[in-house]
Amino acid sequence: MHDGMTAEPPPERVVARLRPHARRLVRPAVFVVLVTAAGGFGFGVFQAQLAWLNAVVALVVLVLVVFGGAVPLFRWMSERYVVTTRRLVVVNGLGTRTRRELLHSRGYDVTVRRRGLQGLFRSGDVLVFPGDDPAVVLADVPHADLVVAVLHDLVEAYEARRRHREPDWDEIVGGPDRPPWGDVRA
């Protein structure tokens, strides 16, 4: 029997853990700074004369900070992409978590799409097309070209291992004990 048939596949290892580019958090961070500065100004203007108005300002600042700063931060933190030696895992969602796995053994096409300032930051949307299934989008990934190259290398490496493990045509036809066709003497 062929030696590659009995060997176990190598253990799965994590190649990369990715999130969307942190540039997404700039706008919420600026918004939180402006809202807290405006809230501080509001507290200074109204001082202690109108206690109920100070409570309203504090409530408005709190709501704006939560919805304008914390929610975008949690949404960004909830998107993860994990590339292992066997699969690509895409996890996203705040309330309802969605996990999608693409095995490198199935093979897929990979494309980079850049919009706006993504080219300036060397990021981009990595589109993974797994055959007839809908495309998987790794949104705004830093170093998108490197991610695409790694995914291509992993698919090619899996194909090379698969071809190496498959039995030769001679083994399929004649069994492992039969000599190769070129050594047959009449």
Protein backbone atom coordinates (compact mmCIF):
# COMPACT_ATOMS: atom_id res chain seq x y z
CA MET A 1 0.00 0.00 0.00
CA HIS A 2 1.11 3.56 -0.69
CA ASP A 3 2.79 5.24 2.30
CA GLY A 4 0.68 8.38 1.90
CA MET A 5 -2.53 6.39 2.42
CA THR A 6 -1.72 5.46 6.02
CA ALA A 7 -0.31 8.79 7.15
CA GLU A 8 -2.67 10.96 9.16
CA PRO A 9 -3.22 14.53 8.04
CA PRO A 10 -1.26 17.17 9.95
CA PRO A 11 -3.10 18.77 12.89
CA GLU A 12 -5.13 21.88 12.22
CA ARG A 13 -3.28 25.08 13.09
CA VAL A 14 -4.44 28.68 13.14
CA VAL A 15 -2.70 30.68 10.43
CA ALA A 16 -4.34 34.08 11.07
CA ARG A 17 -7.03 35.73 13.17
CA LEU A 18 -8.46 38.82 11.51
CA ARG A 19 -11.00 41.57 12.14
CA PRO A 20 -12.17 44.36 9.86
CA HIS A 21 -9.80 47.33 9.68
CA ALA A 22 -9.85 49.44 12.87
CA ARG A 23 -10.36 52.54 10.74
CA ARG A 24 -14.09 51.86 11.22
CA LEU A 25 -13.75 53.00 14.82
CA VAL A 26 -12.40 56.49 14.07
CA ARG A 27 -15.80 58.07 13.41
CA PRO A 28 -17.44 56.60 16.55
CA ALA A 29 -14.43 57.65 18.66
CA VAL A 30 -14.61 61.24 17.38
CA PHE A 31 -18.37 61.21 17.95
CA VAL A 32 -17.95 60.07 21.58
CA VAL A 33 -15.34 62.78 22.24
CA LEU A 34 -17.60 65.49 20.76
CA VAL A 35 -20.68 64.26 22.65
CA THR A 36 -18.86 64.12 25.99
CA ALA A 37 -17.38 67.59 25.36
CA ALA A 38 -20.85 68.92 24.54
CA GLY A 39 -22.22 67.21 27.64
CA GLY A 40 -19.52 68.80 29.79
CA PHE A 41 -20.35 72.16 28.25
CA GLY A 42 -24.04 71.56 29.01
CA PHE A 43 -23.24 70.77 32.64
CA GLY A 44 -21.16 73.94 32.86
CA VAL A 45 -23.91 76.11 31.38
CA PHE A 46 -26.76 74.77 33.48
CA GLN A 47 -24.68 74.13 36.62
CA ALA A 48 -26.79 73.21 39.63
CA GLN A 49 -29.61 75.74 39.04
CA LEU A 50 -31.69 73.31 37.00
CA ALA A 51 -31.01 69.87 38.40
CA TRP A 52 -33.58 68.20 36.17
CA LEU A 53 -31.92 69.70 33.09
CA ASN A 54 -28.56 68.31 34.21
CA ALA A 55 -30.20 64.87 34.51
CA VAL A 56 -31.62 65.22 30.98
CA VAL A 57 -28.21 66.26 29.60
CA ALA A 58 -26.56 63.29 31.36
CA LEU A 59 -29.19 60.90 29.98
CA VAL A 60 -28.84 62.26 26.44
CA VAL A 61 -25.04 62.03 26.63
CA LEU A 62 -25.26 58.46 27.94
CA VAL A 63 -27.67 57.37 25.18
CA LEU A 64 -25.55 59.00 22.47
CA VAL A 65 -22.34 57.45 23.81
CA VAL A 66 -23.93 54.00 23.94
CA PHE A 67 -25.51 54.11 20.49
CA GLY A 68 -22.84 56.23 18.78
CA GLY A 69 -19.75 54.67 20.36
CA ALA A 70 -20.35 51.39 22.19
CA VAL A 71 -22.63 49.73 19.62
CA PRO A 72 -20.22 50.31 16.69
CA LEU A 73 -17.36 49.04 18.88
CA PHE A 74 -19.26 45.87 19.79
CA ARG A 75 -20.32 45.38 16.16
CA TRP A 76 -16.68 45.65 15.07
CA MET A 77 -15.58 43.25 17.81
CA SER A 78 -18.26 40.73 16.80
CA GLU A 79 -16.81 40.26 13.29
CA ARG A 80 -13.96 37.74 13.18
CA TYR A 81 -12.21 35.82 10.46
CA VAL A 82 -10.04 32.83 11.34
CA VAL A 83 -7.84 31.16 8.74
CA THR A 84 -6.61 27.70 9.69
CA THR A 85 -4.69 25.11 7.75
CA ARG A 86 -7.96 23.31 6.96
CA ARG A 87 -10.67 25.96 6.76
CA LEU A 88 -11.73 29.58 6.70
CA VAL A 89 -14.13 30.51 9.51
CA VAL A 90 -16.28 33.66 9.36
CA VAL A 91 -18.09 34.65 12.58
CA ASN A 92 -20.30 37.71 12.90
CA GLY A 93 -23.37 39.04 14.68
CA LEU A 94 -24.20 40.74 17.95
CA GLY A 95 -27.45 39.15 19.11
CA THR A 96 -27.57 36.27 16.69
CA ARG A 97 -24.16 34.83 15.95
CA THR A 98 -23.55 33.38 12.51
CA ARG A 99 -20.63 31.07 11.84
CA ARG A 100 -19.70 29.97 8.35
CA GLU A 101 -16.87 27.59 7.53
CA LEU A 102 -15.28 26.99 4.15
CA LEU A 103 -13.02 23.98 3.83
CA HIS A 104 -9.90 24.45 1.73
CA SER A 105 -10.50 20.93 0.39
CA ARG A 106 -13.56 22.14 -1.53
CA GLY A 107 -11.52 24.78 -3.30
CA TYR A 108 -12.75 28.28 -4.03
CA ASP A 109 -11.97 31.41 -5.99
CA VAL A 110 -10.74 34.51 -4.14
CA THR A 111 -10.94 38.14 -5.28
CA VAL A 112 -10.05 41.49 -3.70
CA ARG A 113 -12.36 44.50 -4.06
CA ARG A 114 -11.17 47.94 -2.98
CA ARG A 115 -13.41 50.97 -2.55
CA GLY A 116 -12.72 54.51 -1.40
CA LEU A 117 -9.74 54.80 0.93
CA GLN A 118 -9.16 51.05 1.21
CA GLY A 119 -6.32 51.23 -1.30
CA LEU A 120 -4.59 53.90 0.77
CA PHE A 121 -4.69 51.67 3.85
CA ARG A 122 -3.86 48.48 1.87
CA SER A 123 -7.11 46.93 3.03
CA GLY A 124 -10.03 45.64 1.01
CA ASP A 125 -12.99 43.30 0.83
CA VAL A 126 -11.88 39.72 0.20
CA LEU A 127 -14.57 37.90 -1.78
CA VAL A 128 -14.48 34.11 -1.51
CA PHE A 129 -16.56 32.24 -4.11
CA PRO A 130 -17.09 28.61 -2.97
CA GLY A 131 -18.58 27.10 -6.12
CA ASP A 132 -22.37 27.33 -6.34
CA ASP A 133 -22.82 28.73 -2.82
CA PRO A 134 -23.18 32.48 -2.28
CA ALA A 135 -19.96 34.46 -1.91
CA VAL A 136 -18.45 34.98 1.52
CA VAL A 137 -17.21 38.52 2.11
CA LEU A 138 -14.39 39.28 4.51
CA ALA A 139 -15.23 42.96 4.84
CA ASP A 140 -12.46 45.58 4.94
CA VAL A 141 -9.64 43.20 5.89
CA PRO A 142 -6.22 44.76 6.57
CA HIS A 143 -3.49 43.62 4.13
CA ALA A 144 -6.07 42.13 1.78
CA ASP A 145 -3.50 41.06 -0.82
CA LEU A 146 -1.60 39.05 1.78
CA VAL A 147 -4.84 37.37 2.94
CA VAL A 148 -5.64 36.39 -0.66
CA ALA A 149 -2.14 35.00 -1.17
CA VAL A 150 -2.38 32.94 2.02
CA LEU A 151 -5.79 31.54 1.03
CA HIS A 152 -4.46 30.60 -2.41
CA ASP A 153 -1.42 28.92 -0.86
CA LEU A 154 -3.57 26.94 1.59
CA VAL A 155 -5.88 25.65 -1.16
CA GLU A 156 -2.87 24.70 -3.31
CA ALA A 157 -1.16 23.01 -0.36
CA TYR A 158 -4.26 20.97 0.35
CA GLU A 159 -4.48 19.92 -3.30
CA ALA A 160 -0.81 18.88 -3.28
CA ARG A 161 -1.31 16.81 -0.11
CA ARG A 162 -4.43 15.22 -1.58
CA ARG A 163 -2.62 14.27 -4.78
CA HIS A 164 0.27 12.85 -2.77
CA ARG A 165 -2.06 10.67 -0.65
CA GLU A 166 -3.99 9.24 -3.58
CA PRO A 167 -2.82 5.85 -4.82
CA ASP A 168 -1.08 5.64 -8.16
CA TRP A 169 -2.98 4.28 -11.17
CA ASP A 170 -0.83 1.13 -11.06
CA GLU A 171 -1.91 0.43 -7.49
CA ILE A 172 -5.56 0.89 -8.38
CA VAL A 173 -5.42 -1.49 -11.36
CA GLY A 174 -3.01 -4.15 -10.20
CA GLY A 175 -2.75 -3.83 -6.45
CA PRO A 176 0.27 -2.78 -4.41
CA ASP A 177 2.23 -6.03 -4.95
CA ARG A 178 2.27 -5.88 -8.74
CA PRO A 179 5.38 -4.29 -10.29
CA PRO A 180 4.96 -1.04 -12.24
CA TRP A 181 4.05 -1.37 -15.94
CA GLY A 182 7.52 -0.51 -17.15
CA ASP A 183 9.08 -3.47 -15.28
CA VAL A 184 6.80 -6.17 -16.71
CA ARG A 185 8.86 -8.72 -18.68
CA ALA A 186 7.33 -10.94 -21.27
